[in-house]
Each structure stands twice: as structure tokens, then as C-alpha cells.
Amino acid sequence: MKRTIEVVIFQEDDRWVAQALNVEVSSFGDTPEEARAAIQEALELYFEDDPDQEIPNVQGGRIEELHV
């Protein structure tokens, strides 16, 4: 089963972080490409145990800053 997972990739210090928005999965790498490959593998492993798992549909998202 193929899924579409929204992922944001951003730099944090000297690493690149890939964070899935639909599920609680993240990974990292030294480059954006490494982070993308790492989260691809992490997501495949995440869904391996429950391939029919429902995922929330994320639409119309935006990035905002909050000061806490």
C-alpha cells in the first residue's frame, strides 16, 4: 500500500532533520538528501508492523512561530 506522507526538512545546527507531519516519525542526516533517505527508511519501518494503519490527512498547513 502506497501512502503520501507530508515531510518537512530543516537544518538544526550542523544536521538536517526530516519530520513527518502525518505521523510521529523523524530522522536526520548530514545533508537534506541524507535526511530524506533516512526518513523514507524510518517510515517504511514504521508501517511495516501495521501496513493498513490509517493516517491523518494533513492539508493547508503553514509554519508559524510561537514564543513561549
N, C-alpha and C. Protein backbone atom coordinates (compact mmCIF):
# COMPACT_ATOMS: atom_id res chain seq x y z
N MET A 1 0.84 -1.18 0.00
CA MET A 1 0.00 0.00 0.00
C MET A 1 0.88 1.24 0.00
N LYS A 2 0.68 2.14 -0.95
CA LYS A 2 1.43 3.39 -1.03
C LYS A 2 0.68 4.48 -0.29
N ARG A 3 1.42 5.29 0.44
CA ARG A 3 0.86 6.42 1.19
C ARG A 3 1.59 7.69 0.79
N THR A 4 0.95 8.80 0.98
CA THR A 4 1.60 10.09 0.83
C THR A 4 1.76 10.68 2.22
N ILE A 5 2.98 10.91 2.62
CA ILE A 5 3.29 11.46 3.92
C ILE A 5 3.93 12.84 3.72
N GLU A 6 3.38 13.84 4.36
CA GLU A 6 3.96 15.18 4.31
C GLU A 6 5.17 15.21 5.24
N VAL A 7 6.30 15.71 4.73
CA VAL A 7 7.54 15.76 5.49
C VAL A 7 8.14 17.15 5.35
N VAL A 8 8.63 17.68 6.46
CA VAL A 8 9.37 18.94 6.42
C VAL A 8 10.83 18.63 6.74
N ILE A 9 11.73 19.24 5.98
CA ILE A 9 13.16 19.04 6.17
C ILE A 9 13.78 20.40 6.48
N PHE A 10 14.50 20.46 7.60
CA PHE A 10 15.07 21.74 8.02
C PHE A 10 16.43 21.51 8.66
N GLN A 11 17.22 22.58 8.68
CA GLN A 11 18.55 22.47 9.27
C GLN A 11 18.49 22.85 10.75
N GLU A 12 19.13 22.03 11.58
CA GLU A 12 19.23 22.30 13.01
C GLU A 12 20.70 22.12 13.38
N ASP A 13 21.35 23.23 13.68
CA ASP A 13 22.79 23.24 13.91
C ASP A 13 23.50 22.67 12.69
N ASP A 14 24.28 21.61 12.84
CA ASP A 14 25.02 21.07 11.70
C ASP A 14 24.36 19.85 11.07
N ARG A 15 23.13 19.53 11.47
CA ARG A 15 22.40 18.38 10.93
C ARG A 15 21.15 18.83 10.21
N TRP A 16 20.64 17.98 9.34
CA TRP A 16 19.36 18.21 8.68
C TRP A 16 18.35 17.24 9.29
N VAL A 17 17.20 17.76 9.67
CA VAL A 17 16.15 16.99 10.32
C VAL A 17 14.99 16.83 9.34
N ALA A 18 14.45 15.63 9.27
CA ALA A 18 13.25 15.36 8.47
C ALA A 18 12.16 14.93 9.45
N GLN A 19 11.05 15.66 9.46
CA GLN A 19 9.95 15.40 10.39
C GLN A 19 8.68 15.13 9.59
N ALA A 20 8.09 13.96 9.81
CA ALA A 20 6.81 13.65 9.17
C ALA A 20 5.71 14.43 9.88
N LEU A 21 4.77 14.94 9.13
CA LEU A 21 3.67 15.71 9.72
C LEU A 21 2.45 14.86 9.99
N ASN A 22 2.30 13.75 9.29
CA ASN A 22 1.12 12.89 9.44
C ASN A 22 1.24 11.91 10.59
N VAL A 23 2.47 11.53 10.93
CA VAL A 23 2.73 10.54 11.97
C VAL A 23 3.94 11.00 12.79
N GLU A 24 4.11 10.41 13.95
CA GLU A 24 5.22 10.77 14.85
C GLU A 24 6.50 10.05 14.46
N VAL A 25 7.09 10.49 13.35
CA VAL A 25 8.33 9.89 12.87
C VAL A 25 9.26 11.01 12.42
N SER A 26 10.52 10.93 12.82
CA SER A 26 11.51 11.89 12.35
C SER A 26 12.85 11.17 12.20
N SER A 27 13.75 11.80 11.48
CA SER A 27 15.08 11.26 11.30
C SER A 27 16.00 12.42 10.93
N PHE A 28 17.26 12.13 10.64
CA PHE A 28 18.20 13.20 10.35
C PHE A 28 19.33 12.70 9.46
N GLY A 29 20.12 13.64 8.95
CA GLY A 29 21.28 13.32 8.14
C GLY A 29 22.18 14.53 8.05
N ASP A 30 23.33 14.35 7.42
CA ASP A 30 24.29 15.44 7.26
C ASP A 30 23.91 16.38 6.12
N THR A 31 23.05 15.92 5.22
CA THR A 31 22.57 16.73 4.10
C THR A 31 21.05 16.55 4.00
N PRO A 32 20.37 17.45 3.28
CA PRO A 32 18.93 17.24 3.09
C PRO A 32 18.62 15.91 2.42
N GLU A 33 19.47 15.48 1.49
CA GLU A 33 19.25 14.21 0.79
C GLU A 33 19.39 13.03 1.75
N GLU A 34 20.37 13.09 2.65
CA GLU A 34 20.53 12.02 3.64
C GLU A 34 19.35 11.99 4.59
N ALA A 35 18.86 13.16 4.99
CA ALA A 35 17.70 13.22 5.89
C ALA A 35 16.47 12.65 5.20
N ARG A 36 16.29 12.96 3.91
CA ARG A 36 15.15 12.44 3.15
C ARG A 36 15.23 10.91 3.05
N ALA A 37 16.40 10.38 2.76
CA ALA A 37 16.57 8.92 2.67
C ALA A 37 16.34 8.26 4.03
N ALA A 38 16.81 8.91 5.09
CA ALA A 38 16.67 8.34 6.43
C ALA A 38 15.20 8.29 6.86
N ILE A 39 14.44 9.35 6.55
CA ILE A 39 13.03 9.32 6.96
C ILE A 39 12.23 8.37 6.07
N GLN A 40 12.64 8.21 4.83
CA GLN A 40 11.98 7.22 3.96
C GLN A 40 12.10 5.84 4.60
N GLU A 41 13.31 5.49 5.03
CA GLU A 41 13.53 4.18 5.66
C GLU A 41 12.76 4.08 6.98
N ALA A 42 12.80 5.15 7.78
CA ALA A 42 12.10 5.13 9.07
C ALA A 42 10.60 4.96 8.88
N LEU A 43 10.02 5.61 7.88
CA LEU A 43 8.59 5.47 7.62
C LEU A 43 8.24 4.07 7.13
N GLU A 44 9.09 3.50 6.30
CA GLU A 44 8.85 2.12 5.84
C GLU A 44 8.84 1.17 7.03
N LEU A 45 9.77 1.35 7.96
CA LEU A 45 9.81 0.51 9.16
C LEU A 45 8.60 0.77 10.07
N TYR A 46 8.19 2.02 10.17
CA TYR A 46 7.05 2.39 11.00
C TYR A 46 5.78 1.67 10.55
N PHE A 47 5.57 1.60 9.24
CA PHE A 47 4.36 0.98 8.71
C PHE A 47 4.50 -0.53 8.48
N GLU A 48 5.68 -1.07 8.67
CA GLU A 48 5.91 -2.49 8.43
C GLU A 48 5.04 -3.38 9.32
N ASP A 49 4.90 -3.02 10.59
CA ASP A 49 4.11 -3.84 11.53
C ASP A 49 2.61 -3.71 11.33
N ASP A 50 2.17 -2.58 10.80
CA ASP A 50 0.72 -2.34 10.61
C ASP A 50 0.51 -1.66 9.26
N PRO A 51 0.60 -2.43 8.17
CA PRO A 51 0.54 -1.83 6.84
C PRO A 51 -0.80 -1.17 6.49
N ASP A 52 -1.87 -1.51 7.20
CA ASP A 52 -3.18 -0.92 6.91
C ASP A 52 -3.52 0.23 7.85
N GLN A 53 -2.55 0.69 8.61
CA GLN A 53 -2.77 1.76 9.57
C GLN A 53 -3.29 3.01 8.88
N GLU A 54 -4.34 3.59 9.45
CA GLU A 54 -4.87 4.85 8.95
C GLU A 54 -3.95 5.99 9.36
N ILE A 55 -3.81 6.98 8.51
CA ILE A 55 -3.02 8.15 8.85
C ILE A 55 -3.89 9.39 8.69
N PRO A 56 -3.69 10.40 9.54
CA PRO A 56 -4.47 11.62 9.39
C PRO A 56 -4.10 12.34 8.10
N ASN A 57 -5.06 13.00 7.50
CA ASN A 57 -4.85 13.76 6.28
C ASN A 57 -4.49 15.20 6.67
N VAL A 58 -3.26 15.59 6.40
CA VAL A 58 -2.80 16.94 6.73
C VAL A 58 -2.95 17.80 5.48
N GLN A 59 -3.71 18.89 5.60
CA GLN A 59 -3.91 19.80 4.47
C GLN A 59 -3.86 21.24 4.95
N GLY A 60 -3.44 22.11 4.08
CA GLY A 60 -3.49 23.53 4.37
C GLY A 60 -2.61 23.96 5.53
N GLY A 61 -1.51 23.25 5.75
CA GLY A 61 -0.64 23.60 6.86
C GLY A 61 0.15 24.86 6.56
N ARG A 62 0.68 25.44 7.61
CA ARG A 62 1.55 26.59 7.47
C ARG A 62 2.53 26.61 8.64
N ILE A 63 3.63 27.25 8.45
CA ILE A 63 4.62 27.35 9.50
C ILE A 63 4.40 28.66 10.24
N GLU A 64 4.31 28.56 11.55
CA GLU A 64 4.14 29.73 12.39
C GLU A 64 5.16 29.70 13.52
N GLU A 65 5.50 30.87 14.02
CA GLU A 65 6.38 30.96 15.18
C GLU A 65 5.54 31.23 16.41
N LEU A 66 5.83 30.51 17.48
CA LEU A 66 5.19 30.75 18.77
C LEU A 66 6.29 31.10 19.76
N HIS A 67 6.04 32.07 20.60
CA HIS A 67 7.00 32.46 21.63
C HIS A 67 6.47 31.99 22.96
N VAL A 68 7.19 31.09 23.63
CA VAL A 68 6.74 30.56 24.92
C VAL A 68 7.81 30.78 25.97
